[in-house]
Amino acid sequence: MAKTKIVKTRKYRWRVWVMTFFTIMVTAQIISAIGLRTYQTSLSVKIQQTERAIAVLQTENEALQVDIGRLSNYNRIVAMANEQGYSSVNQNVISVINRND
């Protein structure tokens, strides 16, 4: 009977390390891609909320500007002053007109 020769294959340890490193890097890449996508989505939601808040504040500002214009009417102020018993002396009255509006 012939002797069988057993050939031992040599395992290279660096192959195990390379495969482990590769697996870890692929997993890290997938996790970071998911994390970045989630962060981007949350930032988009915050941007939309901020834009909505800005639109609401702009509407309120426009309404307040209309109220300011209505309340600062000269005739209204003179009528209120007369109701309180004040009278105007034309020498002391200064009219200020805003030309920008």
PDB file of N, CA and C in Angstrom:
ATOM      1  N   MET A   1       0.813  -1.147   0.000  1.00  0.00           N
ATOM      2  CA  MET A   1       0.000   0.000   0.000  1.00  0.00           C
ATOM      3  C   MET A   1       0.876   1.235   0.000  1.00  0.00           C
ATOM      4  N   ALA A   2       0.416   2.205  -0.736  1.00  0.00           N
ATOM      5  CA  ALA A   2       1.200   3.422  -0.887  1.00  0.00           C
ATOM      6  C   ALA A   2       0.882   4.392   0.240  1.00  0.00           C
ATOM      7  N   LYS A   3       1.891   5.048   0.647  1.00  0.00           N
ATOM      8  CA  LYS A   3       1.690   6.022   1.706  1.00  0.00           C
ATOM      9  C   LYS A   3       1.045   7.277   1.115  1.00  0.00           C
ATOM     10  N   THR A   4       0.075   7.760   1.802  1.00  0.00           N
ATOM     11  CA  THR A   4      -0.533   9.010   1.363  1.00  0.00           C
ATOM     12  C   THR A   4       0.212  10.161   2.008  1.00  0.00           C
ATOM     13  N   LYS A   5       0.409  11.103   1.206  1.00  0.00           N
ATOM     14  CA  LYS A   5       1.154  12.270   1.667  1.00  0.00           C
ATOM     15  C   LYS A   5       0.149  13.361   2.036  1.00  0.00           C
ATOM     16  N   ILE A   6       0.206  13.840   3.224  1.00  0.00           N
ATOM     17  CA  ILE A   6      -0.687  14.900   3.681  1.00  0.00           C
ATOM     18  C   ILE A   6       0.034  16.227   3.472  1.00  0.00           C
ATOM     19  N   VAL A   7      -0.633  17.071   2.695  1.00  0.00           N
ATOM     20  CA  VAL A   7      -0.071  18.389   2.419  1.00  0.00           C
ATOM     21  C   VAL A   7      -0.834  19.393   3.276  1.00  0.00           C
ATOM     22  N   LYS A   8      -0.123  20.047   4.115  1.00  0.00           N
ATOM     23  CA  LYS A   8      -0.747  21.062   4.952  1.00  0.00           C
ATOM     24  C   LYS A   8      -0.710  22.380   4.198  1.00  0.00           C
ATOM     25  N   THR A   9      -1.875  22.975   4.068  1.00  0.00           N
ATOM     26  CA  THR A   9      -1.909  24.287   3.431  1.00  0.00           C
ATOM     27  C   THR A   9      -1.643  25.343   4.493  1.00  0.00           C
ATOM     28  N   ARG A  10      -0.936  26.289   4.086  1.00  0.00           N
ATOM     29  CA  ARG A  10      -0.547  27.335   5.010  1.00  0.00           C
ATOM     30  C   ARG A  10      -1.592  28.445   4.983  1.00  0.00           C
ATOM     31  N   LYS A  11      -2.140  28.752   6.099  1.00  0.00           N
ATOM     32  CA  LYS A  11      -3.113  29.832   6.179  1.00  0.00           C
ATOM     33  C   LYS A  11      -2.356  31.121   6.465  1.00  0.00           C
ATOM     34  N   TYR A  12      -2.680  32.055   5.641  1.00  0.00           N
ATOM     35  CA  TYR A  12      -2.051  33.348   5.839  1.00  0.00           C
ATOM     36  C   TYR A  12      -2.929  34.186   6.752  1.00  0.00           C
ATOM     37  N   ARG A  13      -2.360  34.634   7.822  1.00  0.00           N
ATOM     38  CA  ARG A  13      -3.121  35.407   8.794  1.00  0.00           C
ATOM     39  C   ARG A  13      -3.496  36.781   8.255  1.00  0.00           C
ATOM     40  N   TRP A  14      -2.705  37.316   7.399  1.00  0.00           N
ATOM     41  CA  TRP A  14      -3.014  38.634   6.868  1.00  0.00           C
ATOM     42  C   TRP A  14      -4.276  38.590   6.028  1.00  0.00           C
ATOM     43  N   ARG A  15      -4.608  37.481   5.420  1.00  0.00           N
ATOM     44  CA  ARG A  15      -5.855  37.373   4.659  1.00  0.00           C
ATOM     45  C   ARG A  15      -7.061  37.509   5.589  1.00  0.00           C
ATOM     46  N   VAL A  16      -6.975  36.920   6.735  1.00  0.00           N
ATOM     47  CA  VAL A  16      -8.066  37.026   7.710  1.00  0.00           C
ATOM     48  C   VAL A  16      -8.215  38.482   8.149  1.00  0.00           C
ATOM     49  N   TRP A  17      -7.102  39.129   8.413  1.00  0.00           N
ATOM     50  CA  TRP A  17      -7.143  40.532   8.823  1.00  0.00           C
ATOM     51  C   TRP A  17      -7.695  41.418   7.713  1.00  0.00           C
ATOM     52  N   VAL A  18      -7.310  41.153   6.480  1.00  0.00           N
ATOM     53  CA  VAL A  18      -7.801  41.948   5.349  1.00  0.00           C
ATOM     54  C   VAL A  18      -9.310  41.751   5.185  1.00  0.00           C
ATOM     55  N   MET A  19      -9.770  40.534   5.266  1.00  0.00           N
ATOM     56  CA  MET A  19     -11.196  40.270   5.119  1.00  0.00           C
ATOM     57  C   MET A  19     -11.992  40.890   6.272  1.00  0.00           C
ATOM     58  N   THR A  20     -11.458  40.829   7.474  1.00  0.00           N
ATOM     59  CA  THR A  20     -12.118  41.460   8.621  1.00  0.00           C
ATOM     60  C   THR A  20     -12.176  42.969   8.445  1.00  0.00           C
ATOM     61  N   PHE A  21     -11.064  43.547   8.039  1.00  0.00           N
ATOM     62  CA  PHE A  21     -11.013  44.993   7.797  1.00  0.00           C
ATOM     63  C   PHE A  21     -11.984  45.394   6.691  1.00  0.00           C
ATOM     64  N   PHE A  22     -12.023  44.626   5.621  1.00  0.00           N
ATOM     65  CA  PHE A  22     -12.925  44.913   4.513  1.00  0.00           C
ATOM     66  C   PHE A  22     -14.380  44.845   4.965  1.00  0.00           C
ATOM     67  N   THR A  23     -14.711  43.845   5.749  1.00  0.00           N
ATOM     68  CA  THR A  23     -16.080  43.703   6.253  1.00  0.00           C
ATOM     69  C   THR A  23     -16.456  44.873   7.157  1.00  0.00           C
ATOM     70  N   ILE A  24     -15.539  45.250   8.006  1.00  0.00           N
ATOM     71  CA  ILE A  24     -15.791  46.381   8.909  1.00  0.00           C
ATOM     72  C   ILE A  24     -15.973  47.665   8.109  1.00  0.00           C
ATOM     73  N   MET A  25     -15.150  47.878   7.105  1.00  0.00           N
ATOM     74  CA  MET A  25     -15.241  49.108   6.311  1.00  0.00           C
ATOM     75  C   MET A  25     -16.541  49.165   5.502  1.00  0.00           C
ATOM     76  N   VAL A  26     -16.963  48.059   4.944  1.00  0.00           N
ATOM     77  CA  VAL A  26     -18.223  48.036   4.196  1.00  0.00           C
ATOM     78  C   VAL A  26     -19.392  48.312   5.134  1.00  0.00           C
ATOM     79  N   THR A  27     -19.375  47.716   6.307  1.00  0.00           N
ATOM     80  CA  THR A  27     -20.431  47.959   7.292  1.00  0.00           C
ATOM     81  C   THR A  27     -20.435  49.421   7.727  1.00  0.00           C
ATOM     82  N   ALA A  28     -19.278  49.980   7.965  1.00  0.00           N
ATOM     83  CA  ALA A  28     -19.180  51.389   8.379  1.00  0.00           C
ATOM     84  C   ALA A  28     -19.684  52.309   7.274  1.00  0.00           C
ATOM     85  N   GLN A  29     -19.391  51.989   6.040  1.00  0.00           N
ATOM     86  CA  GLN A  29     -19.853  52.804   4.913  1.00  0.00           C
ATOM     87  C   GLN A  29     -21.370  52.780   4.814  1.00  0.00           C
ATOM     88  N   ILE A  30     -21.962  51.631   4.991  1.00  0.00           N
ATOM     89  CA  ILE A  30     -23.420  51.525   4.934  1.00  0.00           C
ATOM     90  C   ILE A  30     -24.073  52.298   6.078  1.00  0.00           C
ATOM     91  N   ILE A  31     -23.517  52.142   7.268  1.00  0.00           N
ATOM     92  CA  ILE A  31     -24.067  52.848   8.429  1.00  0.00           C
ATOM     93  C   ILE A  31     -23.923  54.361   8.263  1.00  0.00           C
ATOM     94  N   SER A  32     -22.782  54.821   7.781  1.00  0.00           N
ATOM     95  CA  SER A  32     -22.589  56.265   7.608  1.00  0.00           C
ATOM     96  C   SER A  32     -23.507  56.812   6.521  1.00  0.00           C
ATOM     97  N   ALA A  33     -23.740  56.052   5.450  1.00  0.00           N
ATOM     98  CA  ALA A  33     -24.652  56.503   4.400  1.00  0.00           C
ATOM     99  C   ALA A  33     -26.069  56.655   4.950  1.00  0.00           C
ATOM    100  N   ILE A  34     -26.498  55.702   5.754  1.00  0.00           N
ATOM    101  CA  ILE A  34     -27.834  55.784   6.352  1.00  0.00           C
ATOM    102  C   ILE A  34     -27.903  56.950   7.334  1.00  0.00           C
ATOM    103  N   GLY A  35     -26.867  57.119   8.138  1.00  0.00           N
ATOM    104  CA  GLY A  35     -26.839  58.224   9.100  1.00  0.00           C
ATOM    105  C   GLY A  35     -26.854  59.584   8.423  1.00  0.00           C
ATOM    106  N   LEU A  36     -26.083  59.731   7.363  1.00  0.00           N
ATOM    107  CA  LEU A  36     -26.064  61.011   6.649  1.00  0.00           C
ATOM    108  C   LEU A  36     -27.402  61.295   5.984  1.00  0.00           C
ATOM    109  N   ARG A  37     -28.036  60.270   5.450  1.00  0.00           N
ATOM    110  CA  ARG A  37     -29.346  60.455   4.829  1.00  0.00           C
ATOM    111  C   ARG A  37     -30.373  60.891   5.862  1.00  0.00           C
ATOM    112  N   THR A  38     -30.317  60.296   7.039  1.00  0.00           N
ATOM    113  CA  THR A  38     -31.223  60.667   8.118  1.00  0.00           C
ATOM    114  C   THR A  38     -30.978  62.103   8.566  1.00  0.00           C
ATOM    115  N   TYR A  39     -29.725  62.484   8.700  1.00  0.00           N
ATOM    116  CA  TYR A  39     -29.380  63.847   9.103  1.00  0.00           C
ATOM    117  C   TYR A  39     -29.835  64.857   8.059  1.00  0.00           C
ATOM    118  N   GLN A  40     -29.658  64.532   6.791  1.00  0.00           N
ATOM    119  CA  GLN A  40     -30.096  65.420   5.718  1.00  0.00           C
ATOM    120  C   GLN A  40     -31.612  65.597   5.749  1.00  0.00           C
ATOM    121  N   THR A  41     -32.328  64.530   5.996  1.00  0.00           N
ATOM    122  CA  THR A  41     -33.783  64.607   6.078  1.00  0.00           C
ATOM    123  C   THR A  41     -34.219  65.470   7.253  1.00  0.00           C
ATOM    124  N   SER A  42     -33.565  65.312   8.388  1.00  0.00           N
ATOM    125  CA  SER A  42     -33.932  66.126   9.551  1.00  0.00           C
ATOM    126  C   SER A  42     -33.627  67.600   9.302  1.00  0.00           C
ATOM    127  N   LEU A  43     -32.539  67.889   8.605  1.00  0.00           N
ATOM    128  CA  LEU A  43     -32.243  69.283   8.266  1.00  0.00           C
ATOM    129  C   LEU A  43     -33.280  69.854   7.307  1.00  0.00           C
ATOM    130  N   SER A  44     -33.744  69.060   6.359  1.00  0.00           N
ATOM    131  CA  SER A  44     -34.777  69.521   5.436  1.00  0.00           C
ATOM    132  C   SER A  44     -36.066  69.847   6.176  1.00  0.00           C
ATOM    133  N   VAL A  45     -36.414  69.015   7.149  1.00  0.00           N
ATOM    134  CA  VAL A  45     -37.616  69.267   7.938  1.00  0.00           C
ATOM    135  C   VAL A  45     -37.464  70.567   8.726  1.00  0.00           C
ATOM    136  N   LYS A  46     -36.296  70.781   9.319  1.00  0.00           N
ATOM    137  CA  LYS A  46     -36.065  72.013  10.080  1.00  0.00           C
ATOM    138  C   LYS A  46     -36.113  73.240   9.174  1.00  0.00           C
ATOM    139  N   ILE A  47     -35.593  73.124   7.955  1.00  0.00           N
ATOM    140  CA  ILE A  47     -35.635  74.236   7.004  1.00  0.00           C
ATOM    141  C   ILE A  47     -37.085  74.572   6.669  1.00  0.00           C
ATOM    142  N   GLN A  48     -37.901  73.561   6.414  1.00  0.00           N
ATOM    143  CA  GLN A  48     -39.308  73.802   6.095  1.00  0.00           C
ATOM    144  C   GLN A  48     -40.043  74.433   7.268  1.00  0.00           C
ATOM    145  N   GLN A  49     -39.759  73.993   8.486  1.00  0.00           N
ATOM    146  CA  GLN A  49     -40.399  74.583   9.658  1.00  0.00           C
ATOM    147  C   GLN A  49     -39.993  76.046   9.815  1.00  0.00           C
ATOM    148  N   THR A  50     -38.722  76.330   9.584  1.00  0.00           N
ATOM    149  CA  THR A  50     -38.244  77.711   9.693  1.00  0.00           C
ATOM    150  C   THR A  50     -38.869  78.590   8.622  1.00  0.00           C
ATOM    151  N   GLU A  51     -38.988  78.066   7.392  1.00  0.00           N
ATOM    152  CA  GLU A  51     -39.612  78.840   6.323  1.00  0.00           C
ATOM    153  C   GLU A  51     -41.083  79.124   6.638  1.00  0.00           C
ATOM    154  N   ARG A  52     -41.780  78.142   7.219  1.00  0.00           N
ATOM    155  CA  ARG A  52     -43.171  78.376   7.617  1.00  0.00           C
ATOM    156  C   ARG A  52     -43.258  79.453   8.686  1.00  0.00           C
ATOM    157  N   ALA A  53     -42.349  79.390   9.662  1.00  0.00           N
ATOM    158  CA  ALA A  53     -42.347  80.401  10.731  1.00  0.00           C
ATOM    159  C   ALA A  53     -42.055  81.788  10.163  1.00  0.00           C
ATOM    160  N   ILE A  54     -41.151  81.866   9.197  1.00  0.00           N
ATOM    161  CA  ILE A  54     -40.830  83.154   8.563  1.00  0.00           C
ATOM    162  C   ILE A  54     -42.055  83.699   7.838  1.00  0.00           C
ATOM    163  N   ALA A  55     -42.769  82.826   7.118  1.00  0.00           N
ATOM    164  CA  ALA A  55     -43.959  83.266   6.389  1.00  0.00           C
ATOM    165  C   ALA A  55     -45.021  83.785   7.344  1.00  0.00           C
ATOM    166  N   VAL A  56     -45.204  83.108   8.480  1.00  0.00           N
ATOM    167  CA  VAL A  56     -46.191  83.558   9.475  1.00  0.00           C
ATOM    168  C   VAL A  56     -45.785  84.920  10.037  1.00  0.00           C
ATOM    169  N   LEU A  57     -44.507  85.083  10.350  1.00  0.00           N
ATOM    170  CA  LEU A  57     -44.041  86.366  10.902  1.00  0.00           C
ATOM    171  C   LEU A  57     -44.153  87.495   9.883  1.00  0.00           C
ATOM    172  N   GLN A  58     -43.901  87.195   8.617  1.00  0.00           N
ATOM    173  CA  GLN A  58     -44.050  88.223   7.583  1.00  0.00           C
ATOM    174  C   GLN A  58     -45.512  88.661   7.468  1.00  0.00           C
ATOM    175  N   THR A  59     -46.423  87.711   7.542  1.00  0.00           N
ATOM    176  CA  THR A  59     -47.848  88.046   7.495  1.00  0.00           C
ATOM    177  C   THR A  59     -48.235  88.908   8.692  1.00  0.00           C
ATOM    178  N   GLU A  60     -47.748  88.531   9.867  1.00  0.00           N
ATOM    179  CA  GLU A  60     -48.034  89.326  11.062  1.00  0.00           C
ATOM    180  C   GLU A  60     -47.443  90.730  10.942  1.00  0.00           C
ATOM    181  N   ASN A  61     -46.236  90.842  10.410  1.00  0.00           N
ATOM    182  CA  ASN A  61     -45.599  92.150  10.237  1.00  0.00           C
ATOM    183  C   ASN A  61     -46.393  93.028   9.281  1.00  0.00           C
ATOM    184  N   GLU A  62     -46.880  92.423   8.196  1.00  0.00           N
ATOM    185  CA  GLU A  62     -47.683  93.202   7.250  1.00  0.00           C
ATOM    186  C   GLU A  62     -48.970  93.686   7.906  1.00  0.00           C
ATOM    187  N   ALA A  63     -49.596  92.830   8.707  1.00  0.00           N
ATOM    188  CA  ALA A  63     -50.823  93.235   9.408  1.00  0.00           C
ATOM    189  C   ALA A  63     -50.530  94.344  10.409  1.00  0.00           C
ATOM    190  N   LEU A  64     -49.412  94.247  11.092  1.00  0.00           N
ATOM    191  CA  LEU A  64     -49.038  95.293  12.052  1.00  0.00           C
ATOM    192  C   LEU A  64     -48.702  96.600  11.354  1.00  0.00           C
ATOM    193  N   GLN A  65     -48.099  96.541  10.171  1.00  0.00           N
ATOM    194  CA  GLN A  65     -47.819  97.764   9.417  1.00  0.00           C
ATOM    195  C   GLN A  65     -49.118  98.464   9.014  1.00  0.00           C
ATOM    196  N   VAL A  66     -50.125  97.673   8.640  1.00  0.00           N
ATOM    197  CA  VAL A  66     -51.431  98.262   8.308  1.00  0.00           C
ATOM    198  C   VAL A  66     -52.024  98.916   9.547  1.00  0.00           C
ATOM    199  N   ASP A  67     -51.924  98.239  10.700  1.00  0.00           N
ATOM    200  CA  ASP A  67     -52.432  98.826  11.945  1.00  0.00           C
ATOM    201  C   ASP A  67     -51.688 100.102  12.304  1.00  0.00           C
ATOM    202  N   ILE A  68     -50.391 100.114  12.126  1.00  0.00           N
ATOM    203  CA  ILE A  68     -49.601 101.316  12.420  1.00  0.00           C
ATOM    204  C   ILE A  68     -50.043 102.458  11.523  1.00  0.00           C
ATOM    205  N   GLY A  69     -50.222 102.152  10.254  1.00  0.00           N
ATOM    206  CA  GLY A  69     -50.680 103.202   9.329  1.00  0.00           C
ATOM    207  C   GLY A  69     -52.044 103.739   9.703  1.00  0.00           C
ATOM    208  N   ARG A  70     -52.949 102.858  10.113  1.00  0.00           N
ATOM    209  CA  ARG A  70     -54.293 103.278  10.505  1.00  0.00           C
ATOM    210  C   ARG A  70     -54.258 104.070  11.803  1.00  0.00           C
ATOM    211  N   LEU A  71     -53.463 103.605  12.769  1.00  0.00           N
ATOM    212  CA  LEU A  71     -53.433 104.274  14.067  1.00  0.00           C
ATOM    213  C   LEU A  71     -52.646 105.584  14.058  1.00  0.00           C
ATOM    214  N   SER A  72     -51.748 105.751  13.126  1.00  0.00           N
ATOM    215  CA  SER A  72     -50.948 106.977  13.101  1.00  0.00           C
ATOM    216  C   SER A  72     -51.547 108.048  12.195  1.00  0.00           C
ATOM    217  N   ASN A  73     -52.795 107.892  11.825  1.00  0.00           N
ATOM    218  CA  ASN A  73     -53.478 108.891  11.014  1.00  0.00           C
ATOM    219  C   ASN A  73     -53.575 110.204  11.814  1.00  0.00           C
ATOM    220  N   TYR A  74     -53.202 111.282  11.170  1.00  0.00           N
ATOM    221  CA  TYR A  74     -53.141 112.579  11.843  1.00  0.00           C
ATOM    222  C   TYR A  74     -54.515 113.001  12.345  1.00  0.00           C
ATOM    223  N   ASN A  75     -55.528 112.818  11.538  1.00  0.00           N
ATOM    224  CA  ASN A  75     -56.876 113.232  11.944  1.00  0.00           C
ATOM    225  C   ASN A  75     -57.345 112.451  13.163  1.00  0.00           C
ATOM    226  N   ARG A  76     -57.009 111.202  13.249  1.00  0.00           N
ATOM    227  CA  ARG A  76     -57.390 110.377  14.397  1.00  0.00           C
ATOM    228  C   ARG A  76     -56.703 110.881  15.662  1.00  0.00           C
ATOM    229  N   ILE A  77     -55.438 111.226  15.544  1.00  0.00           N
ATOM    230  CA  ILE A  77     -54.685 111.714  16.709  1.00  0.00           C
ATOM    231  C   ILE A  77     -55.251 113.046  17.185  1.00  0.00           C
ATOM    232  N   VAL A  78     -55.576 113.930  16.249  1.00  0.00           N
ATOM    233  CA  VAL A  78     -56.148 115.236  16.624  1.00  0.00           C
ATOM    234  C   VAL A  78     -57.502 115.036  17.288  1.00  0.00           C
ATOM    235  N   ALA A  79     -58.315 114.105  16.767  1.00  0.00           N
ATOM    236  CA  ALA A  79     -59.631 113.858  17.360  1.00  0.00           C
ATOM    237  C   ALA A  79     -59.476 113.317  18.782  1.00  0.00           C
ATOM    238  N   MET A  80     -58.540 112.414  19.002  1.00  0.00           N
ATOM    239  CA  MET A  80     -58.320 111.881  20.349  1.00  0.00           C
ATOM    240  C   MET A  80     -57.819 112.973  21.290  1.00  0.00           C
ATOM    241  N   ALA A  81     -56.959 113.848  20.790  1.00  0.00           N
ATOM    242  CA  ALA A  81     -56.446 114.940  21.626  1.00  0.00           C
ATOM    243  C   ALA A  81     -57.587 115.885  22.006  1.00  0.00           C
ATOM    244  N   ASN A  82     -58.461 116.181  21.062  1.00  0.00           N
ATOM    245  CA  ASN A  82     -59.595 117.062  21.361  1.00  0.00           C
ATOM    246  C   ASN A  82     -60.531 116.416  22.376  1.00  0.00           C
ATOM    247  N   GLU A  83     -60.717 115.072  22.302  1.00  0.00           N
ATOM    248  CA  GLU A  83     -61.567 114.375  23.267  1.00  0.00           C
ATOM    249  C   GLU A  83     -60.981 114.459  24.686  1.00  0.00           C
ATOM    250  N   GLN A  84     -59.671 114.480  24.781  1.00  0.00           N
ATOM    251  CA  GLN A  84     -59.014 114.546  26.083  1.00  0.00           C
ATOM    252  C   GLN A  84     -58.909 115.981  26.595  1.00  0.00           C
ATOM    253  N   GLY A  85     -59.318 116.934  25.775  1.00  0.00           N
ATOM    254  CA  GLY A  85     -59.283 118.324  26.209  1.00  0.00           C
ATOM    255  C   GLY A  85     -58.045 119.074  25.776  1.00  0.00           C
ATOM    256  N   TYR A  86     -57.256 118.532  24.930  1.00  0.00           N
ATOM    257  CA  TYR A  86     -56.076 119.223  24.435  1.00  0.00           C
ATOM    258  C   TYR A  86     -56.441 119.999  23.183  1.00  0.00           C
ATOM    259  N   SER A  87     -55.728 121.074  22.968  1.00  0.00           N
ATOM    260  CA  SER A  87     -55.926 121.841  21.727  1.00  0.00           C
ATOM    261  C   SER A  87     -54.563 122.063  21.107  1.00  0.00           C
ATOM    262  N   SER A  88     -54.576 122.219  19.814  1.00  0.00           N
ATOM    263  CA  SER A  88     -53.299 122.393  19.124  1.00  0.00           C
ATOM    264  C   SER A  88     -53.067 123.859  18.812  1.00  0.00           C
ATOM    265  N   VAL A  89     -51.834 124.252  18.976  1.00  0.00           N
ATOM    266  CA  VAL A  89     -51.409 125.590  18.601  1.00  0.00           C
ATOM    267  C   VAL A  89     -50.596 125.409  17.328  1.00  0.00           C
ATOM    268  N   ASN A  90     -51.001 126.072  16.292  1.00  0.00           N
ATOM    269  CA  ASN A  90     -50.367 125.852  14.991  1.00  0.00           C
ATOM    270  C   ASN A  90     -48.888 126.225  14.986  1.00  0.00           C
ATOM    271  N   GLN A  91     -48.476 127.073  15.891  1.00  0.00           N
ATOM    272  CA  GLN A  91     -47.065 127.446  15.942  1.00  0.00           C
ATOM    273  C   GLN A  91     -46.203 126.295  16.460  1.00  0.00           C
ATOM    274  N   ASN A  92     -46.771 125.390  17.244  1.00  0.00           N
ATOM    275  CA  ASN A  92     -46.011 124.304  17.842  1.00  0.00           C
ATOM    276  C   ASN A  92     -46.157 122.964  17.112  1.00  0.00           C
ATOM    277  N   VAL A  93     -46.938 122.948  16.042  1.00  0.00           N
ATOM    278  CA  VAL A  93     -47.199 121.698  15.340  1.00  0.00           C
ATOM    279  C   VAL A  93     -46.139 121.491  14.267  1.00  0.00           C
ATOM    280  N   ILE A  94     -45.527 120.328  14.287  1.00  0.00           N
ATOM    281  CA  ILE A  94     -44.556 119.958  13.273  1.00  0.00           C
ATOM    282  C   ILE A  94     -45.068 118.691  12.590  1.00  0.00           C
ATOM    283  N   SER A  95     -45.197 118.745  11.292  1.00  0.00           N
ATOM    284  CA  SER A  95     -45.657 117.569  10.542  1.00  0.00           C
ATOM    285  C   SER A  95     -44.458 116.845   9.963  1.00  0.00           C
ATOM    286  N   VAL A  96     -44.396 115.575  10.227  1.00  0.00           N
ATOM    287  CA  VAL A  96     -43.322 114.748   9.711  1.00  0.00           C
ATOM    288  C   VAL A  96     -43.936 113.769   8.707  1.00  0.00           C
ATOM    289  N   ILE A  97     -43.413 113.794   7.502  1.00  0.00           N
ATOM    290  CA  ILE A  97     -43.957 112.942   6.454  1.00  0.00           C
ATOM    291  C   ILE A  97     -42.866 111.980   6.009  1.00  0.00           C
ATOM    292  N   ASN A  98     -43.223 110.716   5.934  1.00  0.00           N
ATOM    293  CA  ASN A  98     -42.294 109.693   5.482  1.00  0.00           C
ATOM    294  C   ASN A  98     -42.464 109.513   3.979  1.00  0.00           C
ATOM    295  N   ARG A  99     -41.476 109.881   3.198  1.00  0.00           N
ATOM    296  CA  ARG A  99     -41.563 109.813   1.738  1.00  0.00           C
ATOM    297  C   ARG A  99     -41.243 108.423   1.186  1.00  0.00           C
ATOM    298  N   ASN A 100     -40.760 107.502   2.032  1.00  0.00           N
ATOM    299  CA  ASN A 100     -40.381 106.176   1.569  1.00  0.00           C
ATOM    300  C   ASN A 100     -41.572 105.263   1.348  1.00  0.00           C
ATOM    301  N   ASP A 101     -42.691 105.528   2.003  1.00  0.00           N
ATOM    302  CA  ASP A 101     -43.852 104.622   1.909  1.00  0.00           C
ATOM    303  C   ASP A 101     -44.709 104.960   0.746  1.00  0.00           C
TER     304      ASP A 101
END
